[in-house]
Amino acid sequence: MANMLSILLDGMGQLGGGIGAGLAAIGAGIGIGQIGKGATEGIARQPESSGDIRGAAIVLAAFIEGVALFGAVICIILATSK
């Protein structure tokens, strides 16, 4: 009985890690989409600043992607550790 409970808890931990990694990816996708939307609107309003806006958007998207990758790796590590 105790072995069965251990297997169940391990499975629930792995499921939680997968859900956490998925939420990190979804959050990053939404955040990068909002950055793209804002950059497009900013360039449409001030075309002369397109280079600055585009550069800032790329840097911000890279930061968000890094945080999402860090979150996903942490979730996977915690899910596979005992």
PDB file of N, CA and C in Angstrom:
ATOM      1  N   MET A   1       0.812  -1.195   0.000  1.00  0.00           N
ATOM      2  CA  MET A   1       0.000   0.000   0.000  1.00  0.00           C
ATOM      3  C   MET A   1       0.856   1.260   0.000  1.00  0.00           C
ATOM      4  N   ALA A   2       1.934   1.246   0.801  1.00  0.00           N
ATOM      5  CA  ALA A   2       2.809   2.414   0.874  1.00  0.00           C
ATOM      6  C   ALA A   2       3.527   2.636  -0.454  1.00  0.00           C
ATOM      7  N   ASN A   3       3.883   1.539  -1.139  1.00  0.00           N
ATOM      8  CA  ASN A   3       4.551   1.644  -2.425  1.00  0.00           C
ATOM      9  C   ASN A   3       3.620   2.267  -3.460  1.00  0.00           C
ATOM     10  N   MET A   4       2.356   1.911  -3.410  1.00  0.00           N
ATOM     11  CA  MET A   4       1.382   2.454  -4.345  1.00  0.00           C
ATOM     12  C   MET A   4       1.192   3.956  -4.131  1.00  0.00           C
ATOM     13  N   LEU A   5       1.177   4.364  -2.877  1.00  0.00           N
ATOM     14  CA  LEU A   5       1.043   5.783  -2.551  1.00  0.00           C
ATOM     15  C   LEU A   5       2.269   6.551  -3.035  1.00  0.00           C
ATOM     16  N   SER A   6       3.435   5.971  -2.893  1.00  0.00           N
ATOM     17  CA  SER A   6       4.666   6.612  -3.359  1.00  0.00           C
ATOM     18  C   SER A   6       4.637   6.802  -4.871  1.00  0.00           C
ATOM     19  N   ILE A   7       4.166   5.794  -5.589  1.00  0.00           N
ATOM     20  CA  ILE A   7       4.074   5.886  -7.047  1.00  0.00           C
ATOM     21  C   ILE A   7       3.080   6.963  -7.446  1.00  0.00           C
ATOM     22  N   LEU A   8       1.951   7.033  -6.740  1.00  0.00           N
ATOM     23  CA  LEU A   8       0.932   8.037  -7.022  1.00  0.00           C
ATOM     24  C   LEU A   8       1.475   9.447  -6.787  1.00  0.00           C
ATOM     25  N   LEU A   9       2.178   9.637  -5.682  1.00  0.00           N
ATOM     26  CA  LEU A   9       2.727  10.958  -5.382  1.00  0.00           C
ATOM     27  C   LEU A   9       3.808  11.357  -6.377  1.00  0.00           C
ATOM     28  N   ASP A  10       4.623  10.413  -6.823  1.00  0.00           N
ATOM     29  CA  ASP A  10       5.631  10.706  -7.843  1.00  0.00           C
ATOM     30  C   ASP A  10       4.958  11.137  -9.148  1.00  0.00           C
ATOM     31  N   GLY A  11       3.905  10.440  -9.512  1.00  0.00           N
ATOM     32  CA  GLY A  11       3.172  10.790 -10.728  1.00  0.00           C
ATOM     33  C   GLY A  11       2.528  12.159 -10.636  1.00  0.00           C
ATOM     34  N   MET A  12       1.996  12.473  -9.465  1.00  0.00           N
ATOM     35  CA  MET A  12       1.381  13.797  -9.282  1.00  0.00           C
ATOM     36  C   MET A  12       2.433  14.899  -9.342  1.00  0.00           C
ATOM     37  N   GLY A  13       3.632  14.624  -8.827  1.00  0.00           N
ATOM     38  CA  GLY A  13       4.720  15.598  -8.906  1.00  0.00           C
ATOM     39  C   GLY A  13       5.141  15.844 -10.342  1.00  0.00           C
ATOM     40  N   GLN A  14       5.206  14.774 -11.129  1.00  0.00           N
ATOM     41  CA  GLN A  14       5.572  14.927 -12.536  1.00  0.00           C
ATOM     42  C   GLN A  14       4.483  15.676 -13.303  1.00  0.00           C
ATOM     43  N   LEU A  15       3.231  15.394 -12.984  1.00  0.00           N
ATOM     44  CA  LEU A  15       2.132  16.109 -13.626  1.00  0.00           C
ATOM     45  C   LEU A  15       2.185  17.590 -13.284  1.00  0.00           C
ATOM     46  N   GLY A  16       2.454  17.893 -12.020  1.00  0.00           N
ATOM     47  CA  GLY A  16       2.563  19.289 -11.611  1.00  0.00           C
ATOM     48  C   GLY A  16       3.712  20.003 -12.304  1.00  0.00           C
ATOM     49  N   GLY A  17       4.836  19.319 -12.472  1.00  0.00           N
ATOM     50  CA  GLY A  17       5.957  19.913 -13.185  1.00  0.00           C
ATOM     51  C   GLY A  17       5.625  20.198 -14.642  1.00  0.00           C
ATOM     52  N   GLY A  18       4.911  19.274 -15.275  1.00  0.00           N
ATOM     53  CA  GLY A  18       4.502  19.485 -16.666  1.00  0.00           C
ATOM     54  C   GLY A  18       3.530  20.643 -16.807  1.00  0.00           C
ATOM     55  N   ILE A  19       2.594  20.730 -15.880  1.00  0.00           N
ATOM     56  CA  ILE A  19       1.634  21.839 -15.920  1.00  0.00           C
ATOM     57  C   ILE A  19       2.346  23.167 -15.681  1.00  0.00           C
ATOM     58  N   GLY A  20       3.281  23.190 -14.733  1.00  0.00           N
ATOM     59  CA  GLY A  20       4.035  24.412 -14.467  1.00  0.00           C
ATOM     60  C   GLY A  20       4.856  24.859 -15.664  1.00  0.00           C
ATOM     61  N   ALA A  21       5.511  23.917 -16.331  1.00  0.00           N
ATOM     62  CA  ALA A  21       6.300  24.260 -17.515  1.00  0.00           C
ATOM     63  C   ALA A  21       5.392  24.770 -18.637  1.00  0.00           C
ATOM     64  N   GLY A  22       4.226  24.153 -18.779  1.00  0.00           N
ATOM     65  CA  GLY A  22       3.279  24.626 -19.794  1.00  0.00           C
ATOM     66  C   GLY A  22       2.766  26.017 -19.508  1.00  0.00           C
ATOM     67  N   LEU A  23       2.474  26.307 -18.248  1.00  0.00           N
ATOM     68  CA  LEU A  23       2.022  27.652 -17.879  1.00  0.00           C
ATOM     69  C   LEU A  23       3.109  28.693 -18.115  1.00  0.00           C
ATOM     70  N   ALA A  24       4.358  28.323 -17.875  1.00  0.00           N
ATOM     71  CA  ALA A  24       5.462  29.248 -18.147  1.00  0.00           C
ATOM     72  C   ALA A  24       5.537  29.563 -19.641  1.00  0.00           C
ATOM     73  N   ALA A  25       5.353  28.554 -20.476  1.00  0.00           N
ATOM     74  CA  ALA A  25       5.392  28.765 -21.927  1.00  0.00           C
ATOM     75  C   ALA A  25       4.211  29.613 -22.400  1.00  0.00           C
ATOM     76  N   ILE A  26       3.032  29.346 -21.845  1.00  0.00           N
ATOM     77  CA  ILE A  26       1.850  30.126 -22.236  1.00  0.00           C
ATOM     78  C   ILE A  26       2.006  31.585 -21.809  1.00  0.00           C
ATOM     79  N   GLY A  27       2.503  31.794 -20.588  1.00  0.00           N
ATOM     80  CA  GLY A  27       2.717  33.162 -20.112  1.00  0.00           C
ATOM     81  C   GLY A  27       3.714  33.920 -20.966  1.00  0.00           C
ATOM     82  N   ALA A  28       4.783  33.243 -21.367  1.00  0.00           N
ATOM     83  CA  ALA A  28       5.778  33.886 -22.228  1.00  0.00           C
ATOM     84  C   ALA A  28       5.184  34.233 -23.589  1.00  0.00           C
ATOM     85  N   GLY A  29       4.375  33.335 -24.122  1.00  0.00           N
ATOM     86  CA  GLY A  29       3.744  33.613 -25.415  1.00  0.00           C
ATOM     87  C   GLY A  29       2.823  34.820 -25.360  1.00  0.00           C
ATOM     88  N   ILE A  30       2.053  34.922 -24.292  1.00  0.00           N
ATOM     89  CA  ILE A  30       1.163  36.075 -24.132  1.00  0.00           C
ATOM     90  C   ILE A  30       1.976  37.357 -23.972  1.00  0.00           C
ATOM     91  N   GLY A  31       3.035  37.292 -23.149  1.00  0.00           N
ATOM     92  CA  GLY A  31       3.860  38.479 -22.932  1.00  0.00           C
ATOM     93  C   GLY A  31       4.550  38.956 -24.194  1.00  0.00           C
ATOM     94  N   ILE A  32       5.099  38.039 -24.962  1.00  0.00           N
ATOM     95  CA  ILE A  32       5.781  38.421 -26.199  1.00  0.00           C
ATOM     96  C   ILE A  32       4.772  38.944 -27.224  1.00  0.00           C
ATOM     97  N   GLY A  33       3.572  38.384 -27.224  1.00  0.00           N
ATOM     98  CA  GLY A  33       2.523  38.905 -28.105  1.00  0.00           C
ATOM     99  C   GLY A  33       2.153  40.335 -27.760  1.00  0.00           C
ATOM    100  N   GLN A  34       2.090  40.634 -26.461  1.00  0.00           N
ATOM    101  CA  GLN A  34       1.783  42.005 -26.038  1.00  0.00           C
ATOM    102  C   GLN A  34       2.919  42.962 -26.425  1.00  0.00           C
ATOM    103  N   ILE A  35       4.156  42.494 -26.336  1.00  0.00           N
ATOM    104  CA  ILE A  35       5.288  43.327 -26.759  1.00  0.00           C
ATOM    105  C   ILE A  35       5.197  43.611 -28.259  1.00  0.00           C
ATOM    106  N   GLY A  36       4.892  42.582 -29.039  1.00  0.00           N
ATOM    107  CA  GLY A  36       4.753  42.778 -30.483  1.00  0.00           C
ATOM    108  C   GLY A  36       3.636  43.736 -30.837  1.00  0.00           C
ATOM    109  N   LYS A  37       2.518  43.610 -30.127  1.00  0.00           N
ATOM    110  CA  LYS A  37       1.386  44.513 -30.353  1.00  0.00           C
ATOM    111  C   LYS A  37       1.774  45.952 -30.050  1.00  0.00           C
ATOM    112  N   GLY A  38       2.433  46.153 -28.893  1.00  0.00           N
ATOM    113  CA  GLY A  38       2.834  47.505 -28.515  1.00  0.00           C
ATOM    114  C   GLY A  38       3.862  48.093 -29.467  1.00  0.00           C
ATOM    115  N   ALA A  39       4.803  47.267 -29.898  1.00  0.00           N
ATOM    116  CA  ALA A  39       5.822  47.755 -30.827  1.00  0.00           C
ATOM    117  C   ALA A  39       5.210  48.127 -32.169  1.00  0.00           C
ATOM    118  N   THR A  40       4.276  47.326 -32.642  1.00  0.00           N
ATOM    119  CA  THR A  40       3.624  47.626 -33.909  1.00  0.00           C
ATOM    120  C   THR A  40       2.826  48.923 -33.830  1.00  0.00           C
ATOM    121  N   GLU A  41       2.105  49.098 -32.720  1.00  0.00           N
ATOM    122  CA  GLU A  41       1.339  50.341 -32.557  1.00  0.00           C
ATOM    123  C   GLU A  41       2.266  51.546 -32.435  1.00  0.00           C
ATOM    124  N   GLY A  42       3.379  51.376 -31.710  1.00  0.00           N
ATOM    125  CA  GLY A  42       4.325  52.475 -31.567  1.00  0.00           C
ATOM    126  C   GLY A  42       4.966  52.860 -32.882  1.00  0.00           C
ATOM    127  N   ILE A  43       5.321  51.878 -33.691  1.00  0.00           N
ATOM    128  CA  ILE A  43       5.921  52.162 -34.997  1.00  0.00           C
ATOM    129  C   ILE A  43       4.896  52.811 -35.916  1.00  0.00           C
ATOM    130  N   ALA A  44       3.623  52.395 -35.801  1.00  0.00           N
ATOM    131  CA  ALA A  44       2.585  52.996 -36.637  1.00  0.00           C
ATOM    132  C   ALA A  44       2.373  54.463 -36.268  1.00  0.00           C
ATOM    133  N   ARG A  45       2.526  54.787 -34.987  1.00  0.00           N
ATOM    134  CA  ARG A  45       2.316  56.174 -34.554  1.00  0.00           C
ATOM    135  C   ARG A  45       3.534  57.052 -34.832  1.00  0.00           C
ATOM    136  N   GLN A  46       4.743  56.488 -34.683  1.00  0.00           N
ATOM    137  CA  GLN A  46       5.965  57.249 -34.912  1.00  0.00           C
ATOM    138  C   GLN A  46       6.935  56.430 -35.760  1.00  0.00           C
ATOM    139  N   PRO A  47       6.746  56.454 -37.066  1.00  0.00           N
ATOM    140  CA  PRO A  47       7.601  55.643 -37.950  1.00  0.00           C
ATOM    141  C   PRO A  47       9.081  56.027 -37.883  1.00  0.00           C
ATOM    142  N   GLU A  48       9.383  57.263 -37.522  1.00  0.00           N
ATOM    143  CA  GLU A  48      10.782  57.679 -37.461  1.00  0.00           C
ATOM    144  C   GLU A  48      11.542  57.026 -36.299  1.00  0.00           C
ATOM    145  N   SER A  49      10.821  56.499 -35.320  1.00  0.00           N
ATOM    146  CA  SER A  49      11.445  55.832 -34.170  1.00  0.00           C
ATOM    147  C   SER A  49      11.412  54.312 -34.286  1.00  0.00           C
ATOM    148  N   SER A  50      11.216  53.802 -35.485  1.00  0.00           N
ATOM    149  CA  SER A  50      11.025  52.363 -35.643  1.00  0.00           C
ATOM    150  C   SER A  50      12.246  51.556 -35.205  1.00  0.00           C
ATOM    151  N   GLY A  51      13.450  52.063 -35.440  1.00  0.00           N
ATOM    152  CA  GLY A  51      14.650  51.319 -35.049  1.00  0.00           C
ATOM    153  C   GLY A  51      14.781  51.186 -33.541  1.00  0.00           C
ATOM    154  N   ASP A  52      14.515  52.273 -32.830  1.00  0.00           N
ATOM    155  CA  ASP A  52      14.597  52.232 -31.373  1.00  0.00           C
ATOM    156  C   ASP A  52      13.523  51.329 -30.777  1.00  0.00           C
ATOM    157  N   ILE A  53      12.310  51.430 -31.297  1.00  0.00           N
ATOM    158  CA  ILE A  53      11.206  50.621 -30.781  1.00  0.00           C
ATOM    159  C   ILE A  53      11.466  49.140 -31.048  1.00  0.00           C
ATOM    160  N   ARG A  54      11.920  48.835 -32.250  1.00  0.00           N
ATOM    161  CA  ARG A  54      12.189  47.445 -32.603  1.00  0.00           C
ATOM    162  C   ARG A  54      13.300  46.857 -31.730  1.00  0.00           C
ATOM    163  N   GLY A  55      14.350  47.632 -31.502  1.00  0.00           N
ATOM    164  CA  GLY A  55      15.450  47.154 -30.657  1.00  0.00           C
ATOM    165  C   GLY A  55      15.005  46.886 -29.227  1.00  0.00           C
ATOM    166  N   ALA A  56      14.207  47.803 -28.671  1.00  0.00           N
ATOM    167  CA  ALA A  56      13.704  47.620 -27.309  1.00  0.00           C
ATOM    168  C   ALA A  56      12.782  46.404 -27.232  1.00  0.00           C
ATOM    169  N   ALA A  57      11.958  46.199 -28.250  1.00  0.00           N
ATOM    170  CA  ALA A  57      11.043  45.061 -28.254  1.00  0.00           C
ATOM    171  C   ALA A  57      11.806  43.738 -28.303  1.00  0.00           C
ATOM    172  N   ILE A  58      12.876  43.687 -29.068  1.00  0.00           N
ATOM    173  CA  ILE A  58      13.664  42.450 -29.157  1.00  0.00           C
ATOM    174  C   ILE A  58      14.332  42.144 -27.823  1.00  0.00           C
ATOM    175  N   VAL A  59      14.869  43.175 -27.167  1.00  0.00           N
ATOM    176  CA  VAL A  59      15.512  42.965 -25.866  1.00  0.00           C
ATOM    177  C   VAL A  59      14.489  42.500 -24.833  1.00  0.00           C
ATOM    178  N   LEU A  60      13.321  43.133 -24.798  1.00  0.00           N
ATOM    179  CA  LEU A  60      12.282  42.730 -23.850  1.00  0.00           C
ATOM    180  C   LEU A  60      11.802  41.307 -24.112  1.00  0.00           C
ATOM    181  N   ALA A  61      11.621  40.947 -25.369  1.00  0.00           N
ATOM    182  CA  ALA A  61      11.200  39.588 -25.698  1.00  0.00           C
ATOM    183  C   ALA A  61      12.256  38.568 -25.272  1.00  0.00           C
ATOM    184  N   ALA A  62      13.518  38.912 -25.407  1.00  0.00           N
ATOM    185  CA  ALA A  62      14.590  38.006 -24.983  1.00  0.00           C
ATOM    186  C   ALA A  62      14.568  37.816 -23.468  1.00  0.00           C
ATOM    187  N   PHE A  63      14.316  38.895 -22.719  1.00  0.00           N
ATOM    188  CA  PHE A  63      14.223  38.776 -21.263  1.00  0.00           C
ATOM    189  C   PHE A  63      13.061  37.871 -20.861  1.00  0.00           C
ATOM    190  N   ILE A  64      11.919  38.056 -21.488  1.00  0.00           N
ATOM    191  CA  ILE A  64      10.757  37.227 -21.158  1.00  0.00           C
ATOM    192  C   ILE A  64      11.029  35.767 -21.507  1.00  0.00           C
ATOM    193  N   GLU A  65      11.644  35.531 -22.625  1.00  0.00           N
ATOM    194  CA  GLU A  65      11.955  34.154 -23.041  1.00  0.00           C
ATOM    195  C   GLU A  65      12.930  33.504 -22.058  1.00  0.00           C
ATOM    196  N   GLY A  66      13.894  34.274 -21.581  1.00  0.00           N
ATOM    197  CA  GLY A  66      14.838  33.744 -20.604  1.00  0.00           C
ATOM    198  C   GLY A  66      14.169  33.368 -19.293  1.00  0.00           C
ATOM    199  N   VAL A  67      13.272  34.217 -18.823  1.00  0.00           N
ATOM    200  CA  VAL A  67      12.552  33.923 -17.585  1.00  0.00           C
ATOM    201  C   VAL A  67      11.658  32.698 -17.764  1.00  0.00           C
ATOM    202  N   ALA A  68      11.004  32.586 -18.906  1.00  0.00           N
ATOM    203  CA  ALA A  68      10.141  31.428 -19.163  1.00  0.00           C
ATOM    204  C   ALA A  68      10.958  30.146 -19.241  1.00  0.00           C
ATOM    205  N   LEU A  69      12.106  30.206 -19.876  1.00  0.00           N
ATOM    206  CA  LEU A  69      12.970  29.027 -19.944  1.00  0.00           C
ATOM    207  C   LEU A  69      13.442  28.630 -18.557  1.00  0.00           C
ATOM    208  N   PHE A  70      13.822  29.614 -17.747  1.00  0.00           N
ATOM    209  CA  PHE A  70      14.258  29.340 -16.379  1.00  0.00           C
ATOM    210  C   PHE A  70      13.129  28.685 -15.587  1.00  0.00           C
ATOM    211  N   GLY A  71      11.908  29.209 -15.719  1.00  0.00           N
ATOM    212  CA  GLY A  71      10.762  28.634 -15.015  1.00  0.00           C
ATOM    213  C   GLY A  71      10.471  27.208 -15.458  1.00  0.00           C
ATOM    214  N   ALA A  72      10.541  26.954 -16.750  1.00  0.00           N
ATOM    215  CA  ALA A  72      10.272  25.609 -17.256  1.00  0.00           C
ATOM    216  C   ALA A  72      11.336  24.614 -16.778  1.00  0.00           C
ATOM    217  N   VAL A  73      12.586  25.037 -16.787  1.00  0.00           N
ATOM    218  CA  VAL A  73      13.661  24.146 -16.326  1.00  0.00           C
ATOM    219  C   VAL A  73      13.503  23.838 -14.849  1.00  0.00           C
ATOM    220  N   ILE A  74      13.175  24.835 -14.046  1.00  0.00           N
ATOM    221  CA  ILE A  74      12.967  24.618 -12.620  1.00  0.00           C
ATOM    222  C   ILE A  74      11.805  23.632 -12.384  1.00  0.00           C
ATOM    223  N   CYS A  75      10.711  23.804 -13.127  1.00  0.00           N
ATOM    224  CA  CYS A  75       9.574  22.890 -12.984  1.00  0.00           C
ATOM    225  C   CYS A  75       9.962  21.461 -13.340  1.00  0.00           C
ATOM    226  N   ILE A  76      10.708  21.298 -14.402  1.00  0.00           N
ATOM    227  CA  ILE A  76      11.101  19.956 -14.824  1.00  0.00           C
ATOM    228  C   ILE A  76      12.080  19.336 -13.824  1.00  0.00           C
ATOM    229  N   ILE A  77      13.013  20.137 -13.329  1.00  0.00           N
ATOM    230  CA  ILE A  77      13.969  19.615 -12.345  1.00  0.00           C
ATOM    231  C   ILE A  77      13.234  19.179 -11.069  1.00  0.00           C
ATOM    232  N   LEU A  78      12.326  20.011 -10.598  1.00  0.00           N
ATOM    233  CA  LEU A  78      11.596  19.668  -9.387  1.00  0.00           C
ATOM    234  C   LEU A  78      10.690  18.461  -9.582  1.00  0.00           C
ATOM    235  N   ALA A  79      10.160  18.299 -10.792  1.00  0.00           N
ATOM    236  CA  ALA A  79       9.260  17.168 -11.061  1.00  0.00           C
ATOM    237  C   ALA A  79      10.033  15.845 -11.134  1.00  0.00           C
ATOM    238  N   THR A  80      11.274  15.904 -11.570  1.00  0.00           N
ATOM    239  CA  THR A  80      12.021  14.652 -11.727  1.00  0.00           C
ATOM    240  C   THR A  80      12.865  14.309 -10.506  1.00  0.00           C
ATOM    241  N   SER A  81      13.021  15.240  -9.573  1.00  0.00           N
ATOM    242  CA  SER A  81      13.811  14.943  -8.385  1.00  0.00           C
ATOM    243  C   SER A  81      12.943  14.253  -7.330  1.00  0.00           C
ATOM    244  N   LYS A  82      13.592  13.527  -6.443  1.00  0.00           N
ATOM    245  CA  LYS A  82      12.846  12.820  -5.394  1.00  0.00           C
ATOM    246  C   LYS A  82      13.275  13.298  -4.048  1.00  0.00           C
TER     247      LYS A  82
END
